[in-house]
Protein backbone atom coordinates (compact mmCIF):
# COMPACT_ATOMS: atom_id res chain seq x y z
CA UNK A 1 236.67 103.32 60.83
CA UNK A 2 235.18 106.82 60.99
CA UNK A 3 236.52 109.41 58.59
CA UNK A 4 238.00 112.61 60.07
CA UNK A 5 235.94 115.79 59.66
CA UNK A 6 237.29 119.21 58.71
CA UNK A 7 235.34 122.40 59.39
CA UNK A 8 236.27 125.72 57.82
CA UNK A 9 235.04 128.72 59.82
CA UNK A 10 234.92 132.07 58.04
CA UNK A 11 233.52 135.56 58.61
CA UNK A 12 232.35 135.83 55.01
CA UNK A 13 231.68 133.39 52.20
CA UNK A 14 233.50 135.86 49.91
CA UNK A 15 236.70 135.64 51.97
CA UNK A 16 239.08 132.76 51.28
CA UNK A 17 240.96 132.77 54.59
CA UNK A 18 239.43 130.72 57.38
CA UNK A 19 239.91 129.05 60.73
CA UNK A 20 240.23 125.26 60.44
CA UNK A 21 238.75 122.88 63.00
CA UNK A 22 239.52 119.16 62.78
CA UNK A 23 237.72 116.21 64.35
CA UNK A 24 238.70 112.52 64.28
CA UNK A 25 235.09 111.41 63.73
CA UNK A 26 231.59 112.82 63.03
CA UNK A 27 230.69 115.59 65.46
CA UNK A 28 227.53 117.33 66.63
CA UNK A 29 226.76 120.85 65.42
CA UNK A 30 226.73 122.08 69.02
CA UNK A 31 230.38 121.08 69.42
CA UNK A 32 231.35 122.77 66.14
CA UNK A 33 229.67 126.01 67.23
CA UNK A 34 231.21 125.82 70.71
CA UNK A 35 234.69 125.34 69.24
CA UNK A 36 234.11 128.11 66.70
CA UNK A 37 233.15 130.52 69.47
CA UNK A 38 236.05 129.40 71.68
CA UNK A 39 238.51 130.07 68.84
CA UNK A 40 236.87 133.22 67.53
CA UNK A 41 239.96 135.26 68.39
CA UNK A 42 241.82 133.32 65.69
CA UNK A 43 239.19 133.86 63.00
CA UNK A 44 240.76 135.75 60.05
CA UNK A 45 238.81 138.88 59.18
CA UNK A 46 238.61 140.47 55.72
CA UNK A 47 240.49 143.76 55.12
CA UNK A 48 238.59 146.88 56.26
CA UNK A 49 236.42 144.65 58.43
CA UNK A 50 235.09 146.63 61.39
CA UNK A 51 234.36 143.58 63.54
CA UNK A 52 236.52 143.26 66.64
CA UNK A 53 238.23 139.87 66.87
CA UNK A 54 236.83 137.48 69.44
CA UNK A 55 233.61 139.42 70.05
CA UNK A 56 230.65 137.04 69.74
CA UNK A 57 228.22 139.95 70.15
CA UNK A 58 229.21 141.13 66.68
CA UNK A 59 228.30 137.84 65.00
CA UNK A 60 225.07 138.26 63.06
CA UNK A 61 223.46 134.97 64.00
CA UNK A 62 220.44 135.31 61.65
CA UNK A 63 222.95 135.27 58.78
CA UNK A 64 225.17 132.49 60.14
CA UNK A 65 225.25 129.54 57.76
CA UNK A 66 226.33 125.92 57.50
CA UNK A 67 227.53 124.82 54.04
CA UNK A 68 228.31 121.37 52.70
CA UNK A 69 229.90 122.91 49.58
CA UNK A 70 231.11 126.35 48.50
CA UNK A 71 229.48 126.02 45.05
CA UNK A 72 225.97 125.07 43.99
CA UNK A 73 225.34 122.71 41.04
CA UNK A 74 222.05 124.48 40.24
CA UNK A 75 223.78 127.80 39.62
CA UNK A 76 225.05 126.80 36.18
CA UNK A 77 221.58 125.71 35.01
CA UNK A 78 219.95 128.93 36.22
CA UNK A 79 222.61 131.04 34.52
CA UNK A 80 221.99 129.12 31.28
CA UNK A 81 218.26 129.85 31.51
CA UNK A 82 218.93 133.54 32.09
CA UNK A 83 221.15 133.52 29.03
CA UNK A 84 218.36 131.91 26.99
CA UNK A 85 215.87 134.50 28.24
CA UNK A 86 218.23 137.31 27.23
CA UNK A 87 218.13 136.04 23.63
CA UNK A 88 214.31 136.11 23.61
CA UNK A 89 213.60 139.43 25.30
CA UNK A 90 214.67 142.76 23.85
CA UNK A 91 215.63 146.22 25.12
CA UNK A 92 215.18 146.80 28.87
CA UNK A 93 214.17 143.20 29.54
CA UNK A 94 217.27 141.81 27.88
CA UNK A 95 219.57 144.24 29.69
CA UNK A 96 217.96 143.49 33.05
CA UNK A 97 218.37 139.74 32.59
CA UNK A 98 222.03 140.13 31.61
CA UNK A 99 222.67 142.37 34.63
CA UNK A 100 221.09 139.78 36.92
CA UNK A 101 223.16 137.03 35.31
CA UNK A 102 226.39 138.99 35.90
CA UNK A 103 225.48 139.62 39.55
CA UNK A 104 224.58 135.97 40.12
CA UNK A 105 227.88 134.72 38.68
CA UNK A 106 229.83 136.74 41.25
CA UNK A 107 227.86 135.82 44.36
CA UNK A 108 228.85 133.22 47.00
CA UNK A 109 226.17 130.59 46.48
CA UNK A 110 226.99 127.24 48.01
CA UNK A 111 224.94 124.31 49.28
CA UNK A 112 223.39 125.47 52.50
CA UNK A 113 222.03 123.29 55.29
CA UNK A 114 218.82 124.95 56.46
CA UNK A 115 219.38 124.39 60.15
CA UNK A 116 219.35 127.07 62.83
CA UNK A 117 222.80 128.11 64.04
CA UNK A 118 221.40 129.85 67.10
CA UNK A 119 223.69 128.31 69.71
CA UNK A 120 221.11 128.24 72.51
CA UNK A 121 218.54 126.55 70.29
CA UNK A 122 221.08 124.04 68.97
CA UNK A 123 222.13 123.22 72.53
CA UNK A 124 218.57 122.68 73.78
CA UNK A 125 216.79 121.12 70.78
CA UNK A 126 218.20 117.78 69.66
CA UNK A 127 216.47 118.14 66.29
CA UNK A 128 218.53 121.29 65.70
CA UNK A 129 221.79 119.56 66.66
CA UNK A 130 222.56 117.24 63.72
CA UNK A 131 225.57 115.00 63.45
CA UNK A 132 228.13 116.50 61.06
CA UNK A 133 229.52 113.57 59.09
CA UNK A 134 231.21 115.37 56.19
CA UNK A 135 233.51 118.35 55.68
CA UNK A 136 231.56 121.60 56.05
CA UNK A 137 232.03 125.36 56.20
CA UNK A 138 230.55 127.62 58.88
CA UNK A 139 229.97 131.29 58.07
CA UNK A 140 229.81 133.66 61.07
CA UNK A 141 229.28 137.09 59.49
CA UNK A 142 229.01 140.56 60.99
CA UNK A 143 225.67 142.35 60.82
CA UNK A 144 225.18 143.98 57.40
CA UNK A 145 223.47 147.34 56.92
CA UNK A 146 221.95 146.70 53.51
CA UNK A 147 219.49 144.62 51.51
CA UNK A 148 219.60 143.54 47.87
CA UNK A 149 216.76 144.11 45.42
CA UNK A 150 216.87 141.72 42.46
CA UNK A 151 214.81 140.25 39.66
CA UNK A 152 212.58 142.25 37.32
CA UNK A 153 214.49 145.50 37.86
CA UNK A 154 216.91 147.31 35.57
CA UNK A 155 219.86 146.11 37.60
CA UNK A 156 220.50 144.56 41.02
CA UNK A 157 220.49 147.29 43.66
CA UNK A 158 222.15 147.26 47.07
CA UNK A 159 220.03 149.49 49.30
CA UNK A 160 220.55 150.84 52.79
CA UNK A 161 218.59 148.78 55.31
CA UNK A 162 215.95 150.81 57.14
CA UNK A 163 214.18 149.62 60.25
CA UNK A 164 210.48 148.91 59.68
CA UNK A 165 210.79 149.62 55.94
CA UNK A 166 208.46 147.46 53.87
CA UNK A 167 209.19 145.87 50.52
CA UNK A 168 207.08 148.56 48.89
CA UNK A 169 209.25 151.31 50.40
CA UNK A 170 212.39 149.70 49.01
CA UNK A 171 210.76 149.32 45.59
CA UNK A 172 210.14 153.07 45.51
CA UNK A 173 213.90 153.55 45.20
CA UNK A 174 214.30 151.57 41.96
CA UNK A 175 212.72 151.21 38.52
CA UNK A 176 210.91 147.89 37.99
CA UNK A 177 210.48 146.41 34.53
CA UNK A 178 207.15 146.79 32.79
CA UNK A 179 206.73 143.00 32.95
CA UNK A 180 207.35 142.64 36.68
CA UNK A 181 204.98 141.11 39.22
CA UNK A 182 202.93 144.03 40.57
CA UNK A 183 201.18 142.29 43.47
CA UNK A 184 203.94 140.75 45.60
CA UNK A 185 207.66 140.15 46.05
CA UNK A 186 209.60 137.28 47.55
CA UNK A 187 211.84 138.10 50.49
CA UNK A 188 214.71 135.73 51.22
CA UNK A 189 215.68 136.44 54.81
CA UNK A 190 219.36 136.02 55.79
CA UNK A 191 218.64 132.61 57.35
CA UNK A 192 217.29 131.36 53.99
CA UNK A 193 213.62 131.53 54.96
CA UNK A 194 211.46 132.65 52.02
CA UNK A 195 208.44 134.91 52.57
CA UNK A 196 205.86 136.37 50.19
CA UNK A 197 205.32 140.09 50.86
CA UNK A 198 202.31 141.87 49.28
CA UNK A 199 203.05 145.19 47.56
CA UNK A 200 199.83 146.15 45.72
CA UNK A 201 197.68 148.96 47.12
CA UNK A 202 194.82 146.52 47.73
CA UNK A 203 196.80 143.93 49.67
CA UNK A 204 199.48 145.92 51.49
CA UNK A 205 200.57 144.39 54.78
CA UNK A 206 203.65 145.34 56.76
CA UNK A 207 206.17 142.53 57.12
CA UNK A 208 209.66 143.06 58.50
CA UNK A 209 212.75 142.63 56.34
CA UNK A 210 216.01 141.81 58.13
CA UNK A 211 219.43 143.29 57.34
CA UNK A 212 221.13 141.16 54.70
CA UNK A 213 217.86 140.01 53.10
CA UNK A 214 217.19 139.73 49.37
CA UNK A 215 214.00 141.23 47.93
CA UNK A 216 213.18 139.38 44.72
CA UNK A 217 210.70 140.94 42.30
CA UNK A 218 209.45 138.22 39.98
CA UNK A 219 209.38 138.30 36.20
CA UNK A 220 205.90 138.19 34.67
CA UNK A 221 204.97 136.73 31.28
CA UNK A 222 207.90 134.34 31.05
CA UNK A 223 208.11 132.06 27.99
CA UNK A 224 206.42 128.69 28.55
CA UNK A 225 209.67 126.72 28.60
CA UNK A 226 211.10 129.11 31.22
CA UNK A 227 208.01 129.48 33.39
CA UNK A 228 209.77 127.97 36.44
CA UNK A 229 212.65 130.47 36.34
CA UNK A 230 211.38 132.65 39.20
CA UNK A 231 211.06 129.62 41.47
CA UNK A 232 214.49 128.32 40.47
CA UNK A 233 216.09 131.70 41.15
CA UNK A 234 214.49 131.93 44.59
CA UNK A 235 215.60 128.41 45.51
CA UNK A 236 219.13 129.24 44.40
CA UNK A 237 219.22 132.56 46.27
CA UNK A 238 218.22 130.79 49.49
CA UNK A 239 221.68 129.25 49.42
CA UNK A 240 223.49 132.58 49.22
CA UNK A 241 225.47 133.49 52.32
CA UNK A 242 226.74 136.81 53.64
């Protein structure tokens, strides 16, 4: 006998209140999205939220997310590695690592399913319309007006999003560490797609950065036993939701 499925629909992964959808058996993603949209008027919104209830036009679909869990088992391991690094590095490096660790502990990082939530695409493409066979959460956020800049910087910075601004332009607003990567950054777009953006004078190339993205400036000269930390951080940050 099929197990019933519960779907929690929320406007923000940082907001505990949600709309609950229940199904007697596994259900296609298209149906979950259709029911979420049909019941959008009932979706609880966080305090001071400027989104008008029931207005699908105000859903920021590039940042919409499907989660199989609200927490990520990799987060604890990454935090432990940051703690280890903070005991090895001194001065500005140590402070930067501790600031990143504090930020990471407070962020909504779950287990994200990297599947488009664009309703038209889900409806048309069967490969984008998976069968939901376990309890999940759906995040339907409003459009943000900022980006985060993290990694080898003094502290995580939330910056105003600017149309057509490159990663290099955002970096001009902060102070990178002396041991930061000086040739490229990693941009985690709000849909979880990861892109490498060049920033050096000899390889500059304009690439768009969407509202809600994370710009990750990698650490250089990591200790040998922590040399995978940049990659692990990026993979973890892909699972962050708005």
